[in-house]
C-alpha atoms as a PDB file:
ATOM      1  CA  MET A   1      -0.047   0.067   0.084  1.00  0.00           C
ATOM      2  CA  GLU A   2       1.307   3.524  -0.913  1.00  0.00           C
ATOM      3  CA  PHE A   3       0.530   6.103   1.789  1.00  0.00           C
ATOM      4  CA  ASP A   4       1.686   8.894  -0.816  1.00  0.00           C
ATOM      5  CA  ASP A   5      -1.267   8.389  -3.276  1.00  0.00           C
ATOM      6  CA  GLU A   6      -3.857  11.058  -3.636  1.00  0.00           C
ATOM      7  CA  TRP A   7      -6.507   9.388  -1.627  1.00  0.00           C
ATOM      8  CA  TRP A   8      -4.305   9.625   1.641  1.00  0.00           C
ATOM      9  CA  ARG A   9      -3.129  13.059   0.821  1.00  0.00           C
ATOM     10  CA  ASN A  10      -6.613  14.474   0.486  1.00  0.00           C
ATOM     11  CA  GLU A  11      -7.862  16.560   3.133  1.00  0.00           C
ATOM     12  CA  VAL A  12     -11.209  15.861   4.886  1.00  0.00           C
ATOM     13  CA  ALA A  13     -13.071  17.464   7.703  1.00  0.00           C
ATOM     14  CA  GLN A  14     -12.457  16.354  11.017  1.00  0.00           C
ATOM     15  CA  GLY A  15     -14.381  18.396  13.441  1.00  0.00           C
ATOM     16  CA  ARG A  16     -14.030  22.052  12.628  1.00  0.00           C
ATOM     17  CA  HIS A  17     -10.551  21.359  10.994  1.00  0.00           C
ATOM     18  CA  LEU A  18      -9.386  19.916   7.783  1.00  0.00           C
ATOM     19  CA  ARG A  19      -6.672  17.109   8.000  1.00  0.00           C
ATOM     20  CA  SER A  20      -5.174  14.726   5.349  1.00  0.00           C
ATOM     21  CA  ARG A  21      -6.531  11.171   5.639  1.00  0.00           C
ATOM     22  CA  ILE A  22      -3.105   9.637   6.471  1.00  0.00           C
ATOM     23  CA  ASP A  23      -2.919  12.036   9.521  1.00  0.00           C
ATOM     24  CA  THR A  24      -6.620  11.276  10.873  1.00  0.00           C
ATOM     25  CA  PHE A  25      -5.687   7.408  10.272  1.00  0.00           C
ATOM     26  CA  LEU A  26      -2.628   7.482  12.398  1.00  0.00           C
ATOM     27  CA  GLN A  27      -4.441   9.375  14.930  1.00  0.00           C
ATOM     28  CA  TYR A  28      -7.249   6.847  15.272  1.00  0.00           C
ATOM     29  CA  TRP A  29      -4.851   3.995  14.871  1.00  0.00           C
ATOM     30  CA  LEU A  30      -2.631   5.171  17.705  1.00  0.00           C
ATOM     31  CA  THR A  31      -5.705   5.772  19.859  1.00  0.00           C
ATOM     32  CA  MET A  32      -6.701   2.039  19.143  1.00  0.00           C
ATOM     33  CA  ARG A  33      -3.305   0.691  19.844  1.00  0.00           C
ATOM     34  CA  VAL A  34      -2.389   2.752  23.032  1.00  0.00           C
ATOM     35  CA  ARG A  35      -5.982   2.878  24.540  1.00  0.00           C
ATOM     36  CA  GLU A  36      -5.898   6.587  25.202  1.00  0.00           C
ATOM     37  CA  GLU A  37      -7.129   9.571  23.434  1.00  0.00           C
ATOM     38  CA  VAL A  38      -4.251  10.939  21.036  1.00  0.00           C
ATOM     39  CA  LEU A  39      -4.529  14.528  20.121  1.00  0.00           C
ATOM     40  CA  MET A  40      -3.823  15.411  16.373  1.00  0.00           C
ATOM     41  CA  ASP A  41      -0.649  17.647  17.463  1.00  0.00           C
ATOM     42  CA  GLU A  42       0.748  14.802  19.394  1.00  0.00           C
ATOM     43  CA  THR A  43       0.327  11.937  16.562  1.00  0.00           C
ATOM     44  CA  PHE A  44       3.909  12.158  15.442  1.00  0.00           C
ATOM     45  CA  ARG A  45       5.511  12.005  18.814  1.00  0.00           C
ATOM     46  CA  LYS A  46       3.060   9.357  20.074  1.00  0.00           C
ATOM     47  CA  PHE A  47       3.843   7.255  16.918  1.00  0.00           C
ATOM     48  CA  THR A  48       7.565   7.499  17.278  1.00  0.00           C
ATOM     49  CA  ASP A  49       7.018   6.552  20.957  1.00  0.00           C
ATOM     50  CA  TYR A  50       4.905   3.570  20.163  1.00  0.00           C
ATOM     51  CA  ALA A  51       6.909   2.265  17.295  1.00  0.00           C
ATOM     52  CA  LYS A  52      10.543   2.586  18.494  1.00  0.00           C
ATOM     53  CA  PRO A  53      10.365  -0.229  21.198  1.00  0.00           C
ATOM     54  CA  ARG A  54       8.409  -2.406  18.548  1.00  0.00           C
ATOM     55  CA  MET A  55      11.115  -2.011  15.915  1.00  0.00           C
ATOM     56  CA  ASN A  56      14.082  -3.341  17.528  1.00  0.00           C
ATOM     57  CA  SER A  57      14.732  -6.151  15.176  1.00  0.00           C
ATOM     58  CA  VAL A  58      13.841  -6.961  11.653  1.00  0.00           C
ATOM     59  CA  THR A  59      11.127  -9.499  12.494  1.00  0.00           C
ATOM     60  CA  ALA A  60       9.442  -7.183  15.069  1.00  0.00           C
ATOM     61  CA  ALA A  61       9.435  -4.188  12.602  1.00  0.00           C
ATOM     62  CA  GLU A  62       8.017  -6.279   9.827  1.00  0.00           C
ATOM     63  CA  HIS A  63       5.149  -7.514  12.182  1.00  0.00           C
ATOM     64  CA  LEU A  64       4.243  -3.946  13.337  1.00  0.00           C
ATOM     65  CA  LEU A  65       4.295  -2.582   9.712  1.00  0.00           C
ATOM     66  CA  SER A  66       2.305  -5.636   8.602  1.00  0.00           C
ATOM     67  CA  GLU A  67      -0.465  -4.978  11.225  1.00  0.00           C
ATOM     68  CA  LEU A  68      -0.272  -1.105  10.242  1.00  0.00           C
ATOM     69  CA  LEU A  69      -0.749  -1.833   6.572  1.00  0.00           C
ATOM     70  CA  ASN A  70      -3.766  -4.349   7.434  1.00  0.00           C
ATOM     71  CA  ASP A  71      -5.416  -1.742   9.409  1.00  0.00           C
ATOM     72  CA  ALA A  72      -4.841   0.968   6.773  1.00  0.00           C
ATOM     73  CA  ALA A  73      -6.365  -1.058   4.145  1.00  0.00           C
ATOM     74  CA  LYS A  74      -9.503  -1.827   6.329  1.00  0.00           C
ATOM     75  CA  TYR A  75      -9.745   1.895   7.200  1.00  0.00           C
ATOM     76  CA  ARG A  76      -9.630   2.923   3.497  1.00  0.00           C
ATOM     77  CA  SER A  77     -12.285   0.146   2.811  1.00  0.00           C
ATOM     78  CA  LEU A  78     -14.818   1.350   5.499  1.00  0.00           C
ATOM     79  CA  SER A  79     -16.525   4.060   3.427  1.00  0.00           C
ATOM     80  CA  GLU A  80     -16.735   1.816   0.420  1.00  0.00           C
ATOM     81  CA  LEU A  81     -18.454  -1.229   2.290  1.00  0.00           C
ATOM     82  CA  ALA A  82     -22.029  -2.000   1.214  1.00  0.00           C
ATOM     83  CA  PRO A  83     -24.641  -0.487   3.680  1.00  0.00           C
ATOM     84  CA  GLY A  84     -25.995  -3.888   4.377  1.00  0.00           C
ATOM     85  CA  THR A  85     -22.694  -4.998   6.227  1.00  0.00           C
ATOM     86  CA  PRO A  86     -22.464  -4.438   9.823  1.00  0.00           C
ATOM     87  CA  ALA A  87     -19.387  -2.322   9.495  1.00  0.00           C
ATOM     88  CA  GLY A  88     -20.616  -0.228   6.519  1.00  0.00           C
ATOM     89  CA  GLN A  89     -24.056   0.261   8.188  1.00  0.00           C
ATOM     90  CA  PHE A  90     -22.247   1.426  11.453  1.00  0.00           C
ATOM     91  CA  HIS A  91     -20.036   3.732   9.410  1.00  0.00           C
ATOM     92  CA  ARG A  92     -22.803   5.225   7.390  1.00  0.00           C
ATOM     93  CA  ARG A  93     -25.231   5.809  10.399  1.00  0.00           C
ATOM     94  CA  VAL A  94     -22.870   6.480  13.243  1.00  0.00           C
ATOM     95  CA  VAL A  95     -19.691   7.920  11.798  1.00  0.00           C
ATOM     96  CA  GLN A  96     -21.055   9.791   8.851  1.00  0.00           C
ATOM     97  CA  ALA A  97     -24.860  10.579   9.665  1.00  0.00           C
ATOM     98  CA  LEU A  98     -24.505  11.233  13.421  1.00  0.00           C
ATOM     99  CA  GLU A  99     -21.046  12.638  12.643  1.00  0.00           C
ATOM    100  CA  LEU A 100     -19.439  10.683  15.602  1.00  0.00           C
ATOM    101  CA  ALA A 101     -16.047  10.005  14.177  1.00  0.00           C
ATOM    102  CA  ALA A 102     -14.792   9.542  17.711  1.00  0.00           C
ATOM    103  CA  THR A 103     -16.046   5.955  17.444  1.00  0.00           C
ATOM    104  CA  THR A 104     -13.729   5.274  14.637  1.00  0.00           C
ATOM    105  CA  PRO A 105     -10.856   3.816  16.814  1.00  0.00           C
ATOM    106  CA  LEU A 106     -13.223   1.139  18.272  1.00  0.00           C
ATOM    107  CA  LEU A 107     -14.778   0.345  14.829  1.00  0.00           C
ATOM    108  CA  MET A 108     -11.204  -0.195  13.575  1.00  0.00           C
ATOM    109  CA  TRP A 109     -10.390  -2.623  16.331  1.00  0.00           C
ATOM    110  CA  ILE A 110     -13.691  -4.551  15.930  1.00  0.00           C
ATOM    111  CA  VAL A 111     -13.255  -5.094  12.285  1.00  0.00           C
ATOM    112  CA  SER A 112      -9.407  -5.311  12.132  1.00  0.00           C
ATOM    113  CA  ASP A 113      -8.079  -8.460  10.443  1.00  0.00           C
ATOM    114  CA  ASN A 114      -5.394  -8.479  13.223  1.00  0.00           C
ATOM    115  CA  HIS A 115      -8.012  -9.378  15.760  1.00  0.00           C
ATOM    116  CA  LYS A 116     -10.182 -11.835  13.873  1.00  0.00           C
ATOM    117  CA  LEU A 117     -13.441 -11.389  15.520  1.00  0.00           C
ATOM    118  CA  PRO A 118     -16.120 -13.848  14.661  1.00  0.00           C
ATOM    119  CA  GLU A 119     -18.618 -12.400  12.193  1.00  0.00           C
ATOM    120  CA  ASP A 120     -21.555 -12.691  14.813  1.00  0.00           C
ATOM    121  CA  GLN A 121     -19.481 -10.827  17.425  1.00  0.00           C
ATOM    122  CA  ILE A 122     -18.794  -7.932  14.759  1.00  0.00           C
ATOM    123  CA  GLU A 123     -22.447  -7.674  14.091  1.00  0.00           C
ATOM    124  CA  LEU A 124     -23.541  -7.821  17.860  1.00  0.00           C
ATOM    125  CA  THR A 125     -20.957  -5.412  19.017  1.00  0.00           C
ATOM    126  CA  LEU A 126     -21.673  -2.726  16.150  1.00  0.00           C
ATOM    127  CA  SER A 127     -25.345  -3.085  16.900  1.00  0.00           C
ATOM    128  CA  VAL A 128     -24.943  -2.334  20.558  1.00  0.00           C
ATOM    129  CA  LEU A 129     -22.672   0.713  19.841  1.00  0.00           C
ATOM    130  CA  GLU A 130     -25.111   1.934  17.067  1.00  0.00           C
ATOM    131  CA  SER A 131     -28.097   1.908  19.535  1.00  0.00           C
ATOM    132  CA  TRP A 132     -26.007   3.467  22.289  1.00  0.00           C
ATOM    133  CA  ALA A 133     -25.069   6.284  19.851  1.00  0.00           C
ATOM    134  CA  ILE A 134     -28.483   6.808  18.226  1.00  0.00           C
ATOM    135  CA  ARG A 135     -30.313   6.831  21.505  1.00  0.00           C
ATOM    136  CA  ARG A 136     -27.989   9.450  23.138  1.00  0.00           C
ATOM    137  CA  THR A 137     -28.386  11.562  19.980  1.00  0.00           C
ATOM    138  CA  LEU A 138     -32.131  11.409  20.060  1.00  0.00           C
ATOM    139  CA  LEU A 139     -32.216  12.229  23.744  1.00  0.00           C
ATOM    140  CA  ARG A 140     -29.760  15.225  23.347  1.00  0.00           C
ATOM    141  CA  TYR A 141     -27.118  13.631  25.640  1.00  0.00           C
ATOM    142  CA  THR A 142     -23.692  15.119  25.378  1.00  0.00           C
ATOM    143  CA  THR A 143     -21.223  13.646  22.742  1.00  0.00           C
ATOM    144  CA  LYS A 144     -18.114  15.503  24.462  1.00  0.00           C
ATOM    145  CA  SER A 145     -17.097  12.263  25.900  1.00  0.00           C
ATOM    146  CA  VAL A 146     -17.615   9.760  23.278  1.00  0.00           C
ATOM    147  CA  GLY A 147     -13.961   9.303  22.677  1.00  0.00           C
ATOM    148  CA  ARG A 148     -13.199   8.887  26.214  1.00  0.00           C
ATOM    149  CA  THR A 149     -16.006   6.112  26.329  1.00  0.00           C
ATOM    150  CA  MET A 150     -14.501   4.386  23.052  1.00  0.00           C
ATOM    151  CA  VAL A 151     -10.839   4.429  24.725  1.00  0.00           C
ATOM    152  CA  SER A 152     -12.466   2.750  28.013  1.00  0.00           C
ATOM    153  CA  ILE A 153     -14.183   0.046  26.110  1.00  0.00           C
ATOM    154  CA  LEU A 154     -10.857  -0.565  24.198  1.00  0.00           C
ATOM    155  CA  SER A 155      -9.019  -0.987  27.439  1.00  0.00           C
ATOM    156  CA  ILE A 156     -11.527  -3.750  28.731  1.00  0.00           C
ATOM    157  CA  LEU A 157     -11.293  -5.631  25.508  1.00  0.00           C
ATOM    158  CA  ASP A 158      -7.510  -6.014  25.936  1.00  0.00           C
ATOM    159  CA  GLY A 159      -7.016  -9.843  25.957  1.00  0.00           C
ATOM    160  CA  VAL A 160     -10.770 -10.801  25.770  1.00  0.00           C
ATOM    161  CA  PRO A 161     -11.570 -13.877  23.726  1.00  0.00           C
ATOM    162  CA  GLY A 162     -13.379 -12.852  20.481  1.00  0.00           C
ATOM    163  CA  GLU A 163     -16.440 -14.712  21.172  1.00  0.00           C
ATOM    164  CA  LYS A 164     -16.986 -12.585  24.374  1.00  0.00           C
ATOM    165  CA  VAL A 165     -16.568  -9.300  22.895  1.00  0.00           C
ATOM    166  CA  GLY A 166     -20.081  -8.224  22.282  1.00  0.00           C
ATOM    167  CA  PRO A 167     -21.568  -9.379  25.561  1.00  0.00           C
ATOM    168  CA  LEU A 168     -18.921  -7.573  27.450  1.00  0.00           C
ATOM    169  CA  VAL A 169     -19.478  -4.186  25.502  1.00  0.00           C
ATOM    170  CA  ALA A 170     -23.084  -4.341  25.965  1.00  0.00           C
ATOM    171  CA  GLU A 171     -22.747  -5.239  29.697  1.00  0.00           C
ATOM    172  CA  TYR A 172     -20.300  -2.332  29.973  1.00  0.00           C
ATOM    173  CA  LEU A 173     -22.489   0.212  28.451  1.00  0.00           C
ATOM    174  CA  ALA A 174     -25.617  -0.893  30.281  1.00  0.00           C
ATOM    175  CA  LEU A 175     -23.974  -0.373  33.775  1.00  0.00           C
ATOM    176  CA  GLN A 176     -22.918   3.276  32.903  1.00  0.00           C
ATOM    177  CA  THR A 177     -24.981   5.612  34.991  1.00  0.00           C
ATOM    178  CA  SER A 178     -23.334   8.994  34.211  1.00  0.00           C
ATOM    179  CA  ASP A 179     -24.786  11.520  31.731  1.00  0.00           C
ATOM    180  CA  THR A 180     -21.662  11.009  29.566  1.00  0.00           C
ATOM    181  CA  GLY A 181     -21.999   7.260  29.131  1.00  0.00           C
ATOM    182  CA  ARG A 182     -25.478   6.002  29.938  1.00  0.00           C
ATOM    183  CA  TRP A 183     -27.304   3.857  27.545  1.00  0.00           C
ATOM    184  CA  PRO A 184     -31.123   5.277  27.328  1.00  0.00           C
ATOM    185  CA  SER A 185     -33.688   2.548  27.903  1.00  0.00           C
ATOM    186  CA  ASP A 186     -36.784   1.684  25.818  1.00  0.00           C
ATOM    187  CA  ASP A 187     -38.919   3.432  28.453  1.00  0.00           C
ATOM    188  CA  GLU A 188     -36.986   6.537  28.301  1.00  0.00           C
ATOM    189  CA  LEU A 189     -37.441   6.739  24.741  1.00  0.00           C
ATOM    190  CA  VAL A 190     -41.037   6.176  24.735  1.00  0.00           C
ATOM    191  CA  GLU A 191     -41.644   8.751  27.380  1.00  0.00           C
ATOM    192  CA  SER A 192     -39.400  11.379  25.967  1.00  0.00           C
ATOM    193  CA  ILE A 193     -39.507  11.197  21.983  1.00  0.00           C
ATOM    194  CA  PRO A 194     -43.215  12.034  21.376  1.00  0.00           C
ATOM    195  CA  ASP A 195     -42.742  15.528  23.038  1.00  0.00           C
ATOM    196  CA  MET A 196     -39.348  16.382  21.576  1.00  0.00           C
ATOM    197  CA  ARG A 197     -38.370  18.604  18.717  1.00  0.00           C
ATOM    198  CA  MET A 198     -36.365  16.529  16.626  1.00  0.00           C
ATOM    199  CA  TYR A 199     -35.437  19.043  13.881  1.00  0.00           C
ATOM    200  CA  GLY A 200     -32.735  21.410  15.157  1.00  0.00           C
ATOM    201  CA  ASN A 201     -31.553  18.488  17.439  1.00  0.00           C
ATOM    202  CA  VAL A 202     -30.983  15.792  14.714  1.00  0.00           C
ATOM    203  CA  ARG A 203     -29.997  16.707  11.217  1.00  0.00           C
ATOM    204  CA  LYS A 204     -32.911  15.900   8.654  1.00  0.00           C
ATOM    205  CA  GLY A 205     -30.633  13.217   6.886  1.00  0.00           C
ATOM    206  CA  ARG A 206     -30.105  11.560  10.327  1.00  0.00           C
ATOM    207  CA  LEU A 207     -33.755  10.715  11.159  1.00  0.00           C
ATOM    208  CA  SER A 208     -35.584   7.800   9.489  1.00  0.00           C
ATOM    209  CA  VAL A 209     -39.470   8.434  10.017  1.00  0.00           C
ATOM    210  CA  ARG A 210     -41.814   5.805   8.278  1.00  0.00           C
ATOM    211  CA  GLY A 211     -45.376   6.746   7.749  1.00  0.00           C
ATOM    212  CA  HIS A 212     -44.675  10.495   8.207  1.00  0.00           C
ATOM    213  CA  GLU A 213     -43.289  12.031   5.191  1.00  0.00           C
ATOM    214  CA  LYS A 214     -42.898  15.805   6.108  1.00  0.00           C
ATOM    215  CA  VAL A 215     -42.186  17.356   9.417  1.00  0.00           C
ATOM    216  CA  PRO A 216     -42.179  21.321   9.428  1.00  0.00           C
ATOM    217  CA  THR A 217     -38.692  22.833  10.355  1.00  0.00           C
ATOM    218  CA  GLY A 218     -38.917  23.378  14.052  1.00  0.00           C
ATOM    219  CA  GLY A 219     -42.060  21.327  14.494  1.00  0.00           C
ATOM    220  CA  GLN A 220     -42.598  18.285  16.728  1.00  0.00           C
ATOM    221  CA  VAL A 221     -42.238  14.794  15.374  1.00  0.00           C
ATOM    222  CA  GLU A 222     -45.282  13.165  15.933  1.00  0.00           C
ATOM    223  CA  VAL A 223     -45.549   9.407  15.378  1.00  0.00           C
ATOM    224  CA  PRO A 224     -48.765   8.726  13.729  1.00  0.00           C
ATOM    225  CA  THR A 225     -50.848   5.605  13.731  1.00  0.00           C
ATOM    226  CA  GLY A 226     -49.045   2.760  11.866  1.00  0.00           C
ATOM    227  CA  GLY A 227     -45.864   5.110  11.759  1.00  0.00           C
ATOM    228  CA  GLN A 228     -42.572   4.229  13.213  1.00  0.00           C
ATOM    229  CA  ILE A 229     -39.373   5.836  14.324  1.00  0.00           C
ATOM    230  CA  LYS A 230     -36.310   3.529  13.701  1.00  0.00           C
ATOM    231  CA  VAL A 231     -34.177   3.352  16.834  1.00  0.00           C
ATOM    232  CA  PRO A 232     -31.826   0.453  16.407  1.00  0.00           C
ATOM    233  CA  THR A 233     -31.176  -1.443  19.541  1.00  0.00           C
ATOM    234  CA  PRO A 234     -30.374  -5.048  20.494  1.00  0.00           C
ATOM    235  CA  CYS A 235     -32.467  -7.443  22.392  1.00  0.00           C
ATOM    236  CA  SER A 236     -33.021  -7.171  26.281  1.00  0.00           C
ATOM    237  CA  SER A 237     -30.327  -9.964  26.553  1.00  0.00           C
ATOM    238  CA  CYS A 238     -27.949  -7.778  24.703  1.00  0.00           C
ATOM    239  CA  ARG A 239     -28.604  -4.901  27.171  1.00  0.00           C
ATOM    240  CA  SER A 240     -28.175  -6.954  30.254  1.00  0.00           C
ATOM    241  CA  GLY A 241     -25.156  -8.575  29.101  1.00  0.00           C
ATOM    242  CA  THR A 242     -26.332 -11.879  29.058  1.00  0.00           C
ATOM    243  CA  CYS A 243     -26.378 -12.579  25.368  1.00  0.00           C
ATOM    244  CA  GLY A 244     -24.011 -14.917  23.863  1.00  0.00           C
ATOM    245  CA  PRO A 245     -21.589 -17.448  25.156  1.00  0.00           C
ATOM    246  CA  SER A 246     -20.735 -15.478  28.351  1.00  0.00           C
ATOM    247  CA  GLY A 247     -24.212 -15.418  29.522  1.00  0.00           C
ATOM    248  CA  ASP A 248     -27.632 -17.104  29.885  1.00  0.00           C
ATOM    249  CA  GLY A 249     -29.084 -15.493  26.680  1.00  0.00           C
ATOM    250  CA  GLU A 250     -29.707 -16.808  23.208  1.00  0.00           C
ATOM    251  CA  GLY A 251     -26.319 -18.243  22.570  1.00  0.00           C
ATOM    252  CA  ALA A 252     -23.491 -17.630  20.035  1.00  0.00           C
ATOM    253  CA  ASN A 253     -25.684 -17.829  17.123  1.00  0.00           C
ATOM    254  CA  HIS A 254     -28.149 -15.094  18.235  1.00  0.00           C
ATOM    255  CA  THR A 255     -28.714 -12.291  15.910  1.00  0.00           C
ATOM    256  CA  PRO A 256     -29.477  -8.988  17.665  1.00  0.00           C
ATOM    257  CA  HIS A 257     -32.718  -7.255  16.608  1.00  0.00           C
ATOM    258  CA  HIS A 258     -31.948  -4.085  14.593  1.00  0.00           C
ATOM    259  CA  PRO A 259     -33.131  -2.650  11.307  1.00  0.00           C
ATOM    260  CA  GLY A 260     -32.225  -5.124   8.758  1.00  0.00           C
ATOM    261  CA  SER A 261     -32.711  -8.261  11.265  1.00  0.00           C
ATOM    262  CA  SER A 262     -35.588 -10.583  10.741  1.00  0.00           C
ATOM    263  CA  ILE A 263     -38.138 -10.606  13.622  1.00  0.00           C
ATOM    264  CA  GLU A 264     -40.322 -13.444  14.103  1.00  0.00           C
ATOM    265  CA  GLU A 265     -44.149 -12.964  13.695  1.00  0.00           C
ATOM    266  CA  GLY A 266     -45.748 -11.696  16.791  1.00  0.00           C
ATOM    267  CA  ASP A 267     -42.492 -10.017  17.858  1.00  0.00           C
ATOM    268  CA  ALA A 268     -42.510  -6.078  18.381  1.00  0.00           C
ATOM    269  CA  PRO A 269     -39.474  -4.645  16.583  1.00  0.00           C
ATOM    270  CA  VAL A 270     -37.305  -3.788  19.690  1.00  0.00           C
ATOM    271  CA  GLY A 271     -36.036  -0.264  19.081  1.00  0.00           C
ATOM    272  CA  THR A 272     -39.050   0.744  16.952  1.00  0.00           C
ATOM    273  CA  LEU A 273     -41.317   3.332  18.271  1.00  0.00           C
ATOM    274  CA  ALA A 274     -44.674   2.731  16.752  1.00  0.00           C
ATOM    275  CA  GLY A 275     -47.676   5.237  16.726  1.00  0.00           C
ATOM    276  CA  GLY A 276     -51.233   4.089  17.515  1.00  0.00           C
END
């Protein structure tokens, strides 16, 4: 892979600043590897400090560079993934639509070929994170500490077997009680959303409303009879941390309920608020 080609040199928005993609990637990659927030101005120094002791032999240097190149290729592919894939859906809905690029280091860790997570765990973990991000956005919770939350999750995942990643992330988020990290419940959404003004809080492109085609700017979002607001969320077992091999939930083959998942007849789509 050539880091000097036009794609890597192109500048893209990062918050209020324009940064080259290579600078942004290295910042996210270092955050993922050292499990602490890395400021853009510190990227070069942090990279030098991180890489130097890991390049004390040809074998060690080749190993580090191989992992770096693998992650760079995966990072470049994120925006090109089909929306129907777990990673493509998360990148489109959370990183792009919600503008929560601070989730990228954890997204990179989850999909990295260097970690070889099982596909069901990638899907479960990203579904959990998507639910957490969208629910907090809808209820106007602060996004200032998203990066810190991602770093905390990266820290607890160190050394965890791949088949336990999803349930562990779900359990961690379900236990958060502070305004900077808590995961809003179904009851909070049902109670709060009908009276909330979504436009002005959530950009028009971020909100998917079925059965209600137009909402005047500044008006209240009402869920009409038969209408739905899609709010992705895993099942109750995912939220309690009992889903999958580490708990008493539906087992390793369980597929979390979220938009795109099949839901058996008679089940209410968890995370869909229906009018009636």
